[in-house]
Amino acid sequence: MSHRAVYDTMVFFQWAALGQNRQHATVKALYDGSVHLCMSQALLEEVRDVLYRPELRERAPNLTPDRVKQVLAAIVELSEWVADVPNAFTWTRHPDDDHIFNLAIAAKADFLVTWENRMHALATEQTEDAGRLRAHAPQLQIITPVELARRLASERADQR
């Protein structure tokens, strides 16, 4: 079974910072086809900006310019590009994240994969914003990379 997913920027940071020999299950899933990564130009630009920040590169020794180029090239190659991402949803508390939610809506993603607790809270809270997000993307589940890895492992075990 294959899932459509949008990864938050910090998931990409983890991908680049861990180094090629320590890939997380969220990255391996892109290569084995169990996850189709949905990507927009706005998200790619944000990822590029974050991965080239000097303060992050100081804290992550594997985040070399070559490693960043390698990860960005893999993102471009492995992604399903969504060119038209309408502004269907605005999160009044954190509008900087709107492009990620709108990508998930436009791509009809099954998962938004993030470490951000505030995004996880949006999935279950009973606010007007949460209700609008569920109306736009009733199938969308906001999960951590660890939760995605567990689900994928469970699905593989069920297929045996």
C-alpha atoms as a PDB file:
ATOM      1  CA  MET A   1       0.000   0.000   0.000  1.00  0.00           C
ATOM      2  CA  SER A   2       1.270   3.452  -0.846  1.00  0.00           C
ATOM      3  CA  HIS A   3       0.458   6.659   1.017  1.00  0.00           C
ATOM      4  CA  ARG A   4       0.583  10.282  -0.014  1.00  0.00           C
ATOM      5  CA  ALA A   5       2.393  12.457   2.498  1.00  0.00           C
ATOM      6  CA  VAL A   6       3.630  15.956   3.107  1.00  0.00           C
ATOM      7  CA  TYR A   7       6.723  16.229   5.288  1.00  0.00           C
ATOM      8  CA  ASP A   8       7.275  19.271   7.448  1.00  0.00           C
ATOM      9  CA  THR A   9      10.568  21.116   7.123  1.00  0.00           C
ATOM     10  CA  MET A  10      12.118  19.612  10.245  1.00  0.00           C
ATOM     11  CA  VAL A  11      11.643  16.116   8.811  1.00  0.00           C
ATOM     12  CA  PHE A  12      13.810  17.190   5.869  1.00  0.00           C
ATOM     13  CA  PHE A  13      16.323  18.692   8.292  1.00  0.00           C
ATOM     14  CA  GLN A  14      16.524  15.354  10.108  1.00  0.00           C
ATOM     15  CA  TRP A  15      16.995  13.594   6.766  1.00  0.00           C
ATOM     16  CA  ALA A  16      19.956  15.799   5.889  1.00  0.00           C
ATOM     17  CA  ALA A  17      21.461  15.991   9.381  1.00  0.00           C
ATOM     18  CA  LEU A  18      21.496  12.246  10.047  1.00  0.00           C
ATOM     19  CA  GLY A  19      23.754  11.415   7.163  1.00  0.00           C
ATOM     20  CA  GLN A  20      23.256   8.971   4.341  1.00  0.00           C
ATOM     21  CA  ASN A  21      24.104   5.830   6.337  1.00  0.00           C
ATOM     22  CA  ARG A  22      21.485   6.538   9.052  1.00  0.00           C
ATOM     23  CA  GLN A  23      18.312   7.145   7.083  1.00  0.00           C
ATOM     24  CA  HIS A  24      15.078   7.199   9.034  1.00  0.00           C
ATOM     25  CA  ALA A  25      12.134   5.043   7.959  1.00  0.00           C
ATOM     26  CA  THR A  26      10.381   8.149   6.607  1.00  0.00           C
ATOM     27  CA  VAL A  27      13.170   8.534   4.041  1.00  0.00           C
ATOM     28  CA  LYS A  28      13.472   4.830   3.252  1.00  0.00           C
ATOM     29  CA  ALA A  29       9.720   4.825   2.556  1.00  0.00           C
ATOM     30  CA  LEU A  30      10.249   7.350  -0.248  1.00  0.00           C
ATOM     31  CA  TYR A  31      12.819   5.120  -1.923  1.00  0.00           C
ATOM     32  CA  ASP A  32      10.775   1.925  -1.592  1.00  0.00           C
ATOM     33  CA  GLY A  33       7.580   3.610  -2.824  1.00  0.00           C
ATOM     34  CA  SER A  34       5.484   3.047   0.283  1.00  0.00           C
ATOM     35  CA  VAL A  35       5.199   6.837   0.614  1.00  0.00           C
ATOM     36  CA  HIS A  36       4.718   9.308  -2.216  1.00  0.00           C
ATOM     37  CA  LEU A  37       6.125  12.627  -1.083  1.00  0.00           C
ATOM     38  CA  CYS A  38       3.980  15.564  -2.145  1.00  0.00           C
ATOM     39  CA  MET A  39       5.981  18.726  -2.700  1.00  0.00           C
ATOM     40  CA  SER A  40       5.416  22.311  -3.736  1.00  0.00           C
ATOM     41  CA  GLN A  41       7.846  24.986  -4.789  1.00  0.00           C
ATOM     42  CA  ALA A  42       7.098  26.965  -1.601  1.00  0.00           C
ATOM     43  CA  LEU A  43       7.986  24.011   0.625  1.00  0.00           C
ATOM     44  CA  LEU A  44      11.153  23.262  -1.336  1.00  0.00           C
ATOM     45  CA  GLU A  45      12.264  26.890  -0.961  1.00  0.00           C
ATOM     46  CA  GLU A  46      11.623  26.758   2.791  1.00  0.00           C
ATOM     47  CA  VAL A  47      13.569  23.501   3.110  1.00  0.00           C
ATOM     48  CA  ARG A  48      16.453  24.925   1.089  1.00  0.00           C
ATOM     49  CA  ASP A  49      16.520  28.045   3.284  1.00  0.00           C
ATOM     50  CA  VAL A  50      16.549  26.023   6.510  1.00  0.00           C
ATOM     51  CA  LEU A  51      19.201  23.542   5.365  1.00  0.00           C
ATOM     52  CA  TYR A  52      21.592  26.333   4.428  1.00  0.00           C
ATOM     53  CA  ARG A  53      21.254  28.246   7.718  1.00  0.00           C
ATOM     54  CA  PRO A  54      24.730  28.598   9.250  1.00  0.00           C
ATOM     55  CA  GLU A  55      23.503  28.191  12.839  1.00  0.00           C
ATOM     56  CA  LEU A  56      21.951  24.819  12.010  1.00  0.00           C
ATOM     57  CA  ARG A  57      25.004  23.680  10.101  1.00  0.00           C
ATOM     58  CA  GLU A  58      27.137  24.459  13.161  1.00  0.00           C
ATOM     59  CA  ARG A  59      24.997  22.129  15.306  1.00  0.00           C
ATOM     60  CA  ALA A  60      24.782  19.333  12.726  1.00  0.00           C
ATOM     61  CA  PRO A  61      28.199  18.217  11.446  1.00  0.00           C
ATOM     62  CA  ASN A  62      26.672  16.031   8.693  1.00  0.00           C
ATOM     63  CA  LEU A  63      24.881  19.049   7.230  1.00  0.00           C
ATOM     64  CA  THR A  64      27.614  19.871   4.735  1.00  0.00           C
ATOM     65  CA  PRO A  65      26.944  21.738   1.484  1.00  0.00           C
ATOM     66  CA  ASP A  66      27.393  18.451  -0.417  1.00  0.00           C
ATOM     67  CA  ARG A  67      24.932  16.656   1.850  1.00  0.00           C
ATOM     68  CA  VAL A  68      22.377  19.457   1.450  1.00  0.00           C
ATOM     69  CA  LYS A  69      22.727  19.307  -2.348  1.00  0.00           C
ATOM     70  CA  GLN A  70      22.300  15.532  -2.236  1.00  0.00           C
ATOM     71  CA  VAL A  71      19.118  15.730  -0.138  1.00  0.00           C
ATOM     72  CA  LEU A  72      17.650  18.543  -2.231  1.00  0.00           C
ATOM     73  CA  ALA A  73      18.314  16.546  -5.408  1.00  0.00           C
ATOM     74  CA  ALA A  74      16.645  13.486  -3.869  1.00  0.00           C
ATOM     75  CA  ILE A  75      13.629  15.567  -2.874  1.00  0.00           C
ATOM     76  CA  VAL A  76      13.281  16.845  -6.432  1.00  0.00           C
ATOM     77  CA  GLU A  77      13.655  13.341  -7.870  1.00  0.00           C
ATOM     78  CA  LEU A  78      11.398  11.478  -5.425  1.00  0.00           C
ATOM     79  CA  SER A  79       8.566  13.990  -5.098  1.00  0.00           C
ATOM     80  CA  GLU A  80       5.204  14.220  -6.693  1.00  0.00           C
ATOM     81  CA  TRP A  81       4.980  17.920  -7.511  1.00  0.00           C
ATOM     82  CA  VAL A  82       1.822  19.893  -6.908  1.00  0.00           C
ATOM     83  CA  ALA A  83       2.063  23.010  -9.041  1.00  0.00           C
ATOM     84  CA  ASP A  84      -1.259  24.576  -8.128  1.00  0.00           C
ATOM     85  CA  VAL A  85      -1.653  24.970  -4.372  1.00  0.00           C
ATOM     86  CA  PRO A  86      -4.653  27.216  -3.705  1.00  0.00           C
ATOM     87  CA  ASN A  87      -4.856  29.115  -0.443  1.00  0.00           C
ATOM     88  CA  ALA A  88      -7.787  27.054   0.857  1.00  0.00           C
ATOM     89  CA  PHE A  89      -6.884  27.110   4.557  1.00  0.00           C
ATOM     90  CA  THR A  90      -5.436  29.658   6.932  1.00  0.00           C
ATOM     91  CA  TRP A  91      -4.386  28.750  10.433  1.00  0.00           C
ATOM     92  CA  THR A  92      -5.061  31.936  12.318  1.00  0.00           C
ATOM     93  CA  ARG A  93      -2.579  31.121  15.114  1.00  0.00           C
ATOM     94  CA  HIS A  94       0.318  30.152  12.816  1.00  0.00           C
ATOM     95  CA  PRO A  95      -0.210  31.433   9.263  1.00  0.00           C
ATOM     96  CA  ASP A  96       3.448  30.726   8.428  1.00  0.00           C
ATOM     97  CA  ASP A  97       2.467  27.048   8.200  1.00  0.00           C
ATOM     98  CA  ASP A  98      -0.423  27.640   5.785  1.00  0.00           C
ATOM     99  CA  HIS A  99       1.583  26.541   2.743  1.00  0.00           C
ATOM    100  CA  ILE A 100       2.139  23.098   4.312  1.00  0.00           C
ATOM    101  CA  PHE A 101      -1.537  22.597   5.129  1.00  0.00           C
ATOM    102  CA  ASN A 102      -2.593  23.899   1.725  1.00  0.00           C
ATOM    103  CA  LEU A 103      -0.176  21.508   0.034  1.00  0.00           C
ATOM    104  CA  ALA A 104      -1.632  18.607   2.033  1.00  0.00           C
ATOM    105  CA  ILE A 105      -5.146  19.688   1.031  1.00  0.00           C
ATOM    106  CA  ALA A 106      -4.306  20.158  -2.666  1.00  0.00           C
ATOM    107  CA  ALA A 107      -2.380  16.868  -2.825  1.00  0.00           C
ATOM    108  CA  LYS A 108      -5.110  14.964  -0.991  1.00  0.00           C
ATOM    109  CA  ALA A 109      -2.370  13.681   1.313  1.00  0.00           C
ATOM    110  CA  ASP A 110      -3.049  10.915   3.787  1.00  0.00           C
ATOM    111  CA  PHE A 111      -0.419  12.187   6.202  1.00  0.00           C
ATOM    112  CA  LEU A 112       1.205  15.396   7.282  1.00  0.00           C
ATOM    113  CA  VAL A 113       4.387  14.205   8.971  1.00  0.00           C
ATOM    114  CA  THR A 114       5.801  16.602  11.535  1.00  0.00           C
ATOM    115  CA  TRP A 115       7.494  16.902  14.898  1.00  0.00           C
ATOM    116  CA  GLU A 116       5.531  20.105  15.666  1.00  0.00           C
ATOM    117  CA  ASN A 117       3.303  19.591  18.713  1.00  0.00           C
ATOM    118  CA  ARG A 118       1.114  22.547  17.771  1.00  0.00           C
ATOM    119  CA  MET A 119       0.278  20.879  14.458  1.00  0.00           C
ATOM    120  CA  HIS A 120      -0.541  17.627  16.236  1.00  0.00           C
ATOM    121  CA  ALA A 121      -2.866  19.515  18.567  1.00  0.00           C
ATOM    122  CA  LEU A 122      -4.694  21.013  15.585  1.00  0.00           C
ATOM    123  CA  ALA A 123      -5.631  17.503  14.466  1.00  0.00           C
ATOM    124  CA  THR A 124      -7.660  16.843  17.609  1.00  0.00           C
ATOM    125  CA  GLU A 125      -8.757  20.197  18.979  1.00  0.00           C
ATOM    126  CA  GLN A 126     -12.285  21.511  18.615  1.00  0.00           C
ATOM    127  CA  THR A 127     -11.489  24.970  17.264  1.00  0.00           C
ATOM    128  CA  GLU A 128     -12.847  26.707  14.213  1.00  0.00           C
ATOM    129  CA  ASP A 129      -9.473  26.293  12.465  1.00  0.00           C
ATOM    130  CA  ALA A 130      -9.384  22.563  13.240  1.00  0.00           C
ATOM    131  CA  GLY A 131     -12.911  22.135  11.933  1.00  0.00           C
ATOM    132  CA  ARG A 132     -12.067  23.927   8.697  1.00  0.00           C
ATOM    133  CA  LEU A 133      -8.968  21.778   8.209  1.00  0.00           C
ATOM    134  CA  ARG A 134     -10.997  18.591   8.725  1.00  0.00           C
ATOM    135  CA  ALA A 135     -13.622  19.873   6.266  1.00  0.00           C
ATOM    136  CA  HIS A 136     -10.934  20.497   3.613  1.00  0.00           C
ATOM    137  CA  ALA A 137      -8.996  17.281   4.237  1.00  0.00           C
ATOM    138  CA  PRO A 138     -11.031  14.699   6.169  1.00  0.00           C
ATOM    139  CA  GLN A 139      -8.532  11.951   5.304  1.00  0.00           C
ATOM    140  CA  LEU A 140      -5.497  13.893   6.567  1.00  0.00           C
ATOM    141  CA  GLN A 141      -3.772  12.531   9.641  1.00  0.00           C
ATOM    142  CA  ILE A 142      -1.102  14.601  11.352  1.00  0.00           C
ATOM    143  CA  ILE A 143       1.523  12.216  12.690  1.00  0.00           C
ATOM    144  CA  THR A 144       5.156  12.118  13.788  1.00  0.00           C
ATOM    145  CA  PRO A 145       7.881  10.424  11.753  1.00  0.00           C
ATOM    146  CA  VAL A 146       7.982   7.695  14.417  1.00  0.00           C
ATOM    147  CA  GLU A 147       4.234   7.093  14.048  1.00  0.00           C
ATOM    148  CA  LEU A 148       4.612   6.880  10.273  1.00  0.00           C
ATOM    149  CA  ALA A 149       7.454   4.372  10.661  1.00  0.00           C
ATOM    150  CA  ARG A 150       5.300   2.222  12.972  1.00  0.00           C
ATOM    151  CA  ARG A 151       2.361   2.272  10.561  1.00  0.00           C
ATOM    152  CA  LEU A 152       4.538   1.307   7.630  1.00  0.00           C
ATOM    153  CA  ALA A 153       6.158  -1.512   9.614  1.00  0.00           C
ATOM    154  CA  SER A 154       2.730  -2.761  10.679  1.00  0.00           C
ATOM    155  CA  GLU A 155       1.468  -2.716   7.086  1.00  0.00           C
ATOM    156  CA  ARG A 156       4.530  -4.658   5.915  1.00  0.00           C
ATOM    157  CA  ALA A 157       3.969  -7.237   8.660  1.00  0.00           C
ATOM    158  CA  ASP A 158       0.282  -7.553   7.689  1.00  0.00           C
ATOM    159  CA  GLN A 159       1.238  -8.232   4.082  1.00  0.00           C
ATOM    160  CA  ARG A 160       3.388 -11.225   4.995  1.00  0.00           C
END
